[in-house]
């Protein structure tokens, strides 16, 4: 009975891969592996990487966007106005428990979650 179940699972998996469809569990697993591989701190348990992307807005003008996901990072640029649209492509929790969003629009950098409308 186990062999039939295993064979059915393998057959379905092969059909999905051959059809170009990625199963949701497989996609989540691959994303997690890619993200973990791209961040060496994750392996040591210092940070948590969340693979997500979306749009948010700046809460105030002049909030810093930094070169790292720590408050000690250099300021690369500052938000121009309250409500400024910001696109992020990842979210990280550093070893102090602070959540940061990695932006790619209008410019690249890291912004603290308390400075944007997206949830902490």
N, C-alpha and C. Protein backbone atom coordinates (compact mmCIF):
# COMPACT_ATOMS: atom_id res chain seq x y z
N UNK A 1 0.82 -1.18 0.00
CA UNK A 1 0.00 0.00 0.00
C UNK A 1 0.87 1.26 0.00
N UNK A 2 1.96 1.24 0.76
CA UNK A 2 2.85 2.40 0.81
C UNK A 2 3.50 2.66 -0.54
N UNK A 3 3.83 1.60 -1.23
CA UNK A 3 4.46 1.74 -2.54
C UNK A 3 3.50 2.40 -3.52
N UNK A 4 2.22 2.03 -3.48
CA UNK A 4 1.23 2.65 -4.36
C UNK A 4 1.10 4.14 -4.07
N UNK A 5 1.05 4.48 -2.80
CA UNK A 5 0.94 5.89 -2.41
C UNK A 5 2.17 6.66 -2.85
N UNK A 6 3.32 6.10 -2.64
CA UNK A 6 4.57 6.73 -3.05
C UNK A 6 4.62 6.89 -4.56
N UNK A 7 4.25 5.85 -5.28
CA UNK A 7 4.25 5.90 -6.74
C UNK A 7 3.26 6.95 -7.25
N UNK A 8 2.10 7.04 -6.64
CA UNK A 8 1.10 8.04 -7.04
C UNK A 8 1.64 9.44 -6.80
N UNK A 9 2.30 9.65 -5.68
CA UNK A 9 2.88 10.96 -5.37
C UNK A 9 3.97 11.33 -6.35
N UNK A 10 4.83 10.40 -6.68
CA UNK A 10 5.91 10.65 -7.63
C UNK A 10 5.34 10.95 -9.01
N UNK A 11 4.32 10.20 -9.41
CA UNK A 11 3.70 10.41 -10.72
C UNK A 11 3.06 11.80 -10.79
N UNK A 12 2.35 12.20 -9.74
CA UNK A 12 1.73 13.53 -9.72
C UNK A 12 2.79 14.62 -9.72
N UNK A 13 3.84 14.42 -8.96
CA UNK A 13 4.92 15.40 -8.93
C UNK A 13 5.60 15.54 -10.28
N UNK A 14 5.83 14.42 -10.95
CA UNK A 14 6.44 14.46 -12.28
C UNK A 14 5.53 15.16 -13.27
N UNK A 15 4.24 14.93 -13.16
CA UNK A 15 3.29 15.58 -14.07
C UNK A 15 3.27 17.08 -13.85
N UNK A 16 3.33 17.52 -12.61
CA UNK A 16 3.35 18.95 -12.32
C UNK A 16 4.62 19.61 -12.85
N UNK A 17 5.76 18.97 -12.63
CA UNK A 17 7.02 19.52 -13.11
C UNK A 17 7.05 19.54 -14.63
N UNK A 18 6.60 18.47 -15.27
CA UNK A 18 6.58 18.40 -16.73
C UNK A 18 5.64 19.44 -17.30
N UNK A 19 4.57 19.75 -16.58
CA UNK A 19 3.60 20.74 -17.05
C UNK A 19 4.03 22.16 -16.74
N UNK A 20 5.12 22.34 -16.04
CA UNK A 20 5.59 23.68 -15.72
C UNK A 20 4.88 24.31 -14.54
N UNK A 21 4.19 23.51 -13.75
CA UNK A 21 3.45 24.01 -12.60
C UNK A 21 4.26 23.66 -11.36
N UNK A 22 4.43 24.65 -10.49
CA UNK A 22 5.14 24.41 -9.24
C UNK A 22 4.13 24.26 -8.13
N UNK A 23 4.24 23.20 -7.39
CA UNK A 23 3.35 22.99 -6.26
C UNK A 23 3.64 24.06 -5.20
N UNK A 24 2.64 24.56 -4.48
CA UNK A 24 2.84 25.61 -3.49
C UNK A 24 3.89 25.26 -2.43
N UNK A 25 3.88 24.05 -1.92
CA UNK A 25 4.86 23.66 -0.91
C UNK A 25 6.26 23.68 -1.48
N UNK A 26 6.39 23.25 -2.73
CA UNK A 26 7.70 23.24 -3.38
C UNK A 26 8.19 24.67 -3.59
N UNK A 27 7.29 25.56 -4.00
CA UNK A 27 7.67 26.96 -4.22
C UNK A 27 8.13 27.61 -2.93
N UNK A 28 7.42 27.37 -1.85
CA UNK A 28 7.81 27.94 -0.56
C UNK A 28 9.16 27.40 -0.12
N UNK A 29 9.36 26.11 -0.33
CA UNK A 29 10.62 25.49 0.05
C UNK A 29 11.78 26.07 -0.74
N UNK A 30 11.59 26.23 -2.06
CA UNK A 30 12.66 26.77 -2.89
C UNK A 30 12.96 28.22 -2.53
N UNK A 31 11.93 29.02 -2.24
CA UNK A 31 12.13 30.41 -1.85
C UNK A 31 12.91 30.48 -0.55
N UNK A 32 12.54 29.66 0.41
CA UNK A 32 13.23 29.66 1.69
C UNK A 32 14.68 29.26 1.53
N UNK A 33 14.93 28.24 0.68
CA UNK A 33 16.30 27.80 0.47
C UNK A 33 17.12 28.88 -0.22
N UNK A 34 16.55 29.56 -1.21
CA UNK A 34 17.26 30.60 -1.92
C UNK A 34 17.57 31.76 -0.99
N UNK A 35 16.59 32.16 -0.19
CA UNK A 35 16.78 33.27 0.72
C UNK A 35 17.83 32.92 1.77
N UNK A 36 17.76 31.71 2.32
CA UNK A 36 18.72 31.31 3.33
C UNK A 36 20.12 31.24 2.75
N UNK A 37 20.23 30.79 1.53
CA UNK A 37 21.54 30.69 0.90
C UNK A 37 22.13 32.07 0.63
N UNK A 38 21.28 33.07 0.41
CA UNK A 38 21.78 34.39 0.10
C UNK A 38 22.13 35.19 1.34
N UNK A 39 21.81 34.68 2.52
CA UNK A 39 22.08 35.41 3.76
C UNK A 39 22.80 34.50 4.74
N UNK A 40 24.08 34.72 4.89
CA UNK A 40 24.87 33.84 5.75
C UNK A 40 24.49 33.99 7.21
N UNK A 41 23.93 35.13 7.62
CA UNK A 41 23.54 35.31 9.01
C UNK A 41 22.38 34.40 9.38
N UNK A 42 21.57 34.01 8.42
CA UNK A 42 20.42 33.16 8.70
C UNK A 42 20.87 31.82 9.25
N UNK A 43 21.94 31.29 8.73
CA UNK A 43 22.42 29.98 9.17
C UNK A 43 22.83 30.02 10.64
N UNK A 44 23.29 31.17 11.13
CA UNK A 44 23.73 31.26 12.52
C UNK A 44 22.60 31.63 13.46
N UNK A 45 21.39 31.83 12.92
CA UNK A 45 20.24 32.14 13.75
C UNK A 45 20.15 33.60 14.15
N UNK A 46 20.94 34.47 13.56
CA UNK A 46 20.92 35.88 13.95
C UNK A 46 19.79 36.66 13.29
N UNK A 47 19.37 36.26 12.12
CA UNK A 47 18.31 36.99 11.43
C UNK A 47 17.28 36.03 10.89
N UNK A 48 16.12 36.56 10.62
CA UNK A 48 15.05 35.79 10.00
C UNK A 48 14.69 36.51 8.71
N UNK A 49 14.68 35.79 7.62
CA UNK A 49 14.36 36.36 6.32
C UNK A 49 12.96 35.93 5.94
N UNK A 50 12.15 36.90 5.56
CA UNK A 50 10.80 36.60 5.09
C UNK A 50 10.74 37.00 3.63
N UNK A 51 10.43 36.04 2.78
CA UNK A 51 10.35 36.32 1.35
C UNK A 51 8.97 36.84 1.03
N UNK A 52 8.89 38.13 0.81
CA UNK A 52 7.64 38.75 0.41
C UNK A 52 7.97 40.05 -0.29
N UNK A 53 7.02 40.55 -1.03
CA UNK A 53 7.22 41.80 -1.74
C UNK A 53 5.91 42.56 -1.77
N UNK A 54 6.02 43.86 -1.93
CA UNK A 54 4.80 44.66 -2.01
C UNK A 54 5.10 46.14 -1.96
N UNK A 55 4.05 46.89 -1.89
CA UNK A 55 4.15 48.35 -1.81
C UNK A 55 3.71 48.81 -0.44
N UNK A 56 4.34 49.86 0.05
CA UNK A 56 3.95 50.50 1.29
C UNK A 56 4.19 51.99 1.13
N UNK A 57 3.87 52.75 2.14
CA UNK A 57 4.08 54.20 2.10
C UNK A 57 4.90 54.65 3.29
N UNK A 58 5.70 55.68 3.07
CA UNK A 58 6.46 56.29 4.16
C UNK A 58 5.48 56.99 5.09
N UNK A 59 5.75 56.95 6.39
CA UNK A 59 4.87 57.62 7.35
C UNK A 59 5.21 59.10 7.50
N UNK A 60 6.48 59.45 7.30
CA UNK A 60 6.93 60.83 7.48
C UNK A 60 7.99 61.18 6.45
N UNK A 61 8.19 62.45 6.23
CA UNK A 61 9.31 62.90 5.41
C UNK A 61 10.57 62.87 6.25
N UNK A 62 11.70 62.54 5.63
CA UNK A 62 12.98 62.59 6.32
C UNK A 62 13.40 61.35 7.07
N UNK A 63 12.61 60.28 7.01
CA UNK A 63 13.02 59.05 7.69
C UNK A 63 14.18 58.41 6.93
N UNK A 64 15.17 57.87 7.65
CA UNK A 64 16.36 57.34 6.98
C UNK A 64 16.16 55.99 6.32
N UNK A 65 16.79 55.83 5.17
CA UNK A 65 16.89 54.54 4.49
C UNK A 65 18.37 54.20 4.53
N UNK A 66 18.70 53.06 5.10
CA UNK A 66 20.09 52.72 5.42
C UNK A 66 20.68 51.65 4.51
N UNK A 67 21.99 51.45 4.65
CA UNK A 67 22.69 50.46 3.83
C UNK A 67 22.68 49.07 4.46
N UNK A 68 22.08 48.92 5.63
CA UNK A 68 21.99 47.63 6.30
C UNK A 68 20.72 47.59 7.14
N UNK A 69 20.35 46.44 7.64
CA UNK A 69 19.13 46.29 8.43
C UNK A 69 19.40 46.46 9.93
N UNK A 70 20.28 47.40 10.25
CA UNK A 70 20.57 47.80 11.62
C UNK A 70 20.54 49.32 11.70
N UNK A 71 20.16 49.86 12.85
CA UNK A 71 20.08 51.32 13.00
C UNK A 71 21.45 51.98 12.94
N UNK A 72 22.51 51.21 13.02
CA UNK A 72 23.86 51.77 12.95
C UNK A 72 24.35 51.93 11.52
N UNK A 73 23.57 51.47 10.55
CA UNK A 73 23.97 51.57 9.15
C UNK A 73 24.00 53.01 8.66
N UNK A 74 24.78 53.23 7.63
CA UNK A 74 24.88 54.57 7.04
C UNK A 74 23.57 54.93 6.34
N UNK A 75 23.21 56.20 6.44
CA UNK A 75 22.01 56.69 5.76
C UNK A 75 22.34 56.90 4.29
N UNK A 76 21.60 56.20 3.42
CA UNK A 76 21.79 56.33 1.97
C UNK A 76 20.96 57.47 1.40
N UNK A 77 19.72 57.56 1.89
CA UNK A 77 18.81 58.62 1.46
C UNK A 77 17.68 58.71 2.48
N UNK A 78 16.85 59.72 2.36
CA UNK A 78 15.73 59.91 3.29
C UNK A 78 14.43 60.00 2.51
N UNK A 79 13.35 59.57 3.15
CA UNK A 79 12.05 59.65 2.48
C UNK A 79 11.72 61.11 2.21
N UNK A 80 11.05 61.35 1.08
CA UNK A 80 10.80 62.73 0.67
C UNK A 80 9.52 63.32 1.24
N UNK A 81 8.54 62.47 1.54
CA UNK A 81 7.27 62.99 2.06
C UNK A 81 6.48 61.88 2.73
N UNK A 82 5.54 62.28 3.56
CA UNK A 82 4.61 61.30 4.13
C UNK A 82 3.76 60.77 2.98
N UNK A 83 3.56 59.47 2.95
CA UNK A 83 2.79 58.86 1.87
C UNK A 83 3.61 58.50 0.64
N UNK A 84 4.91 58.76 0.66
CA UNK A 84 5.76 58.41 -0.48
C UNK A 84 5.67 56.91 -0.73
N UNK A 85 5.34 56.48 -1.97
CA UNK A 85 5.27 55.05 -2.26
C UNK A 85 6.66 54.41 -2.25
N UNK A 86 6.75 53.27 -1.59
CA UNK A 86 8.00 52.52 -1.49
C UNK A 86 7.72 51.07 -1.85
N UNK A 87 8.55 50.50 -2.71
CA UNK A 87 8.40 49.09 -3.05
C UNK A 87 9.49 48.30 -2.33
N UNK A 88 9.07 47.24 -1.63
CA UNK A 88 10.02 46.37 -0.94
C UNK A 88 9.95 44.97 -1.54
N UNK A 89 11.08 44.25 -1.46
CA UNK A 89 11.11 42.89 -2.00
C UNK A 89 11.56 41.87 -0.98
N UNK A 90 11.89 42.31 0.21
CA UNK A 90 12.12 41.36 1.29
C UNK A 90 11.97 42.07 2.62
N UNK A 91 11.83 41.28 3.65
CA UNK A 91 11.64 41.79 5.00
C UNK A 91 12.53 40.94 5.90
N UNK A 92 13.26 41.59 6.80
CA UNK A 92 14.17 40.87 7.69
C UNK A 92 13.97 41.29 9.12
N UNK A 93 14.15 40.34 10.01
CA UNK A 93 14.16 40.62 11.44
C UNK A 93 15.61 40.42 11.89
N UNK A 94 16.24 41.47 12.40
CA UNK A 94 17.64 41.34 12.81
C UNK A 94 17.75 40.68 14.18
N UNK A 95 18.95 40.50 14.66
CA UNK A 95 19.15 39.75 15.91
C UNK A 95 18.60 40.47 17.14
N UNK A 96 18.25 41.75 17.00
CA UNK A 96 17.65 42.50 18.10
C UNK A 96 16.13 42.46 18.05
N UNK A 97 15.58 41.80 17.03
CA UNK A 97 14.14 41.68 16.90
C UNK A 97 13.50 42.81 16.11
N UNK A 98 14.29 43.69 15.51
CA UNK A 98 13.76 44.79 14.72
C UNK A 98 13.47 44.33 13.30
N UNK A 99 12.33 44.72 12.77
CA UNK A 99 11.94 44.35 11.42
C UNK A 99 12.30 45.46 10.45
N UNK A 100 12.92 45.08 9.33
CA UNK A 100 13.36 46.03 8.31
C UNK A 100 12.87 45.55 6.95
N UNK A 101 12.55 46.51 6.08
CA UNK A 101 12.13 46.22 4.72
C UNK A 101 13.24 46.61 3.75
N UNK A 102 13.55 45.73 2.81
CA UNK A 102 14.56 46.02 1.79
C UNK A 102 13.84 46.59 0.58
N UNK A 103 14.17 47.84 0.26
CA UNK A 103 13.51 48.57 -0.82
C UNK A 103 14.27 48.45 -2.12
N UNK A 104 13.53 48.57 -3.22
CA UNK A 104 14.18 48.70 -4.52
C UNK A 104 13.59 49.85 -5.32
N UNK A 105 12.60 50.54 -4.77
CA UNK A 105 12.02 51.70 -5.45
C UNK A 105 11.50 52.66 -4.40
N UNK A 106 11.78 53.92 -4.49
CA UNK A 106 12.42 54.63 -5.60
C UNK A 106 13.93 54.42 -5.66
N UNK A 107 14.53 53.97 -4.56
CA UNK A 107 15.95 53.66 -4.54
C UNK A 107 16.15 52.46 -3.62
N UNK A 108 17.35 51.87 -3.70
CA UNK A 108 17.65 50.70 -2.88
C UNK A 108 18.01 51.14 -1.47
N UNK A 109 17.69 50.30 -0.50
CA UNK A 109 18.10 50.52 0.89
C UNK A 109 17.19 49.76 1.84
N UNK A 110 17.49 49.90 3.12
CA UNK A 110 16.72 49.25 4.19
C UNK A 110 16.02 50.31 5.00
N UNK A 111 14.72 50.11 5.28
CA UNK A 111 13.96 51.04 6.11
C UNK A 111 13.32 50.29 7.26
N UNK A 112 13.36 50.90 8.43
CA UNK A 112 12.79 50.31 9.64
C UNK A 112 11.27 50.26 9.51
N UNK A 113 10.66 49.19 10.00
CA UNK A 113 9.22 49.00 9.83
C UNK A 113 8.40 50.08 10.52
N UNK A 114 8.94 50.72 11.54
CA UNK A 114 8.22 51.80 12.23
C UNK A 114 8.12 53.06 11.40
N UNK A 115 8.83 53.10 10.28
CA UNK A 115 8.80 54.28 9.41
C UNK A 115 7.93 54.10 8.19
N UNK A 116 7.25 52.96 8.07
CA UNK A 116 6.40 52.69 6.92
C UNK A 116 5.03 52.19 7.38
N UNK A 117 4.07 52.20 6.46
CA UNK A 117 2.71 51.76 6.78
C UNK A 117 2.59 50.24 6.86
N UNK A 118 3.53 49.50 6.28
CA UNK A 118 3.49 48.04 6.32
C UNK A 118 3.64 47.57 7.78
N UNK A 119 3.12 46.39 8.09
CA UNK A 119 3.17 45.92 9.48
C UNK A 119 4.57 45.53 9.96
N UNK A 120 4.76 45.72 11.26
CA UNK A 120 6.02 45.28 11.87
C UNK A 120 5.89 43.85 12.19
